[in-house]
Amino acid sequence: MLLIGTVMASADEARGSIQEKRGGWVERIDEVIDVKPGGTLSLDSDRGGITVDAEKRKGVRIIVEKTVDAYTEEEARLVFDRYSVDIARDGNDVEVITESEGRRTRSLQTSIRVVVPHNYNVDVETGGGGIDIGDLVGDVMARTSGGGISVGHIRDGSVDVHTSGGGIHIGSIENGDGEAKTSGGGISVGDVSGDLSVRTSGGGINIGKVAGDLEARTSGGGIQIGSGGTVEAQTGGGGIRVSGSTGAVVVHTSGGGITISDAGGPVTAETSGGGISVDGADGPVVAITSGGGLMIKDVRGSIEAETSGGGITAELAVADPGVDTHCNLETGGGDISIRLPADLHATIDAELQLRRPRREYSITTDFNLDIDENSRRIVARGDINGGGDTIRLRTTNGDIEIEKR
């Protein structure tokens, strides 16, 4: 729990009135602490859900409700008194601590709602229950041992939220960074103007546009990313989609397809089972799959593409002598098609292995290459525009097509 200030004013235990309600008893504590915007709410509860709302107001309002099944008011009071609510103020900071004393009563239910000024920092923690935080200007930190976490639109502050079990939703973060971790559940985050790191042990991840560096990891579930600065994404099982970046993209999945578009830097994509599609990369591309097709287009750099079984389609976008444009495309079985700029300086090395072919296979090319053919293989080699970086193509029982663009 974040400590606020250097000397905290002595805490007062808050008590409320008791009323009978629906066969049980309710104690409601409702207090307003006179503070100005810009302070910090520190709330530490050993149980129950927490809601933090923001309003255009001065002061912090704290509402705690305790509910218990009991026959009499005296029995209810005995239970309520074992759950303390301590409130303290230090300058514009407010600290709330709620905890159970002695043996817990299962029938006791608690809820905490705090209303803060719009411009206020929040640091809350509960031993078990969901956390819901509204739109704020300031930093947000939230921890729960079990329950979901929802955070609204945060401006001029960073967000750091962790749960041991439950989903996480963050509306957006403007002028700040974000971190979200859950041991089990999905994670959804809107646009973020800074860096973002999200991790879940099991669940999908859905991210909007991230201006800074982005790291997303899940042990099982799909990953969807609008865009990022540099992007690193990994899942133990599920597809990955990245719709844009201003820097490098590195993605890995143990099982599922990968789709990447408009990468502003180099791309590395690897899957143990599924296809890979890259549509636009400002740098070299490495794409590897244990089983599935590869489609790599509009690349301003070299291409390394490998699949154990599936076709490969590739396209180089530039013929700049200052850019490394070597290509190495290899498949264990499938067609290879590559489009090259007409003015590219390159050396072609293409080979098609023939192993008990069920039909005729061929190498076709728009460039002037030497083609040698026998019963075991077909080879096409030669320099185009005087030679240059090597374009290496390898397949077994599949056609090879080399086109001008």
Foldseek 3Di string as FASTA:
>chain_A
DDDDDDDWDDWDWFWADWDDDDQWIKTKTKDWDFAAFDEEEEEEAADAEEEEAADADGTKIKIKMKIARDDDPVVVVVLVVQWIWIWTDDHRYIYIYIYGHDDHDPRIHMYMYMYHHQRYEYAYEYAEYEYEYEHHEEEYEYEYAYEEYEYEEYEPYEYEYEYAEYEYEYHEYYNYEYEYEYAYEEYEYEEYAEEYEYEYAYYEYEYYEYAEEYEYEYAAYEYEYNEYAEYEYEYAEEEYEHEEYLEEYEYEYAYYEYEYEHYNYEYEYEYAYEEYEYHAHAEEYEYEYAAYEYEEEAYAAAYEYEYAAEEYEYEYNDQDQVGHHEYAYEYAAEEYEYEYALQHWAKEWEKEFEDPAPDDEEEEEPDDWDWDDDPTMIITIDTHNNHDHYHYYYYYRYYYYYHYD
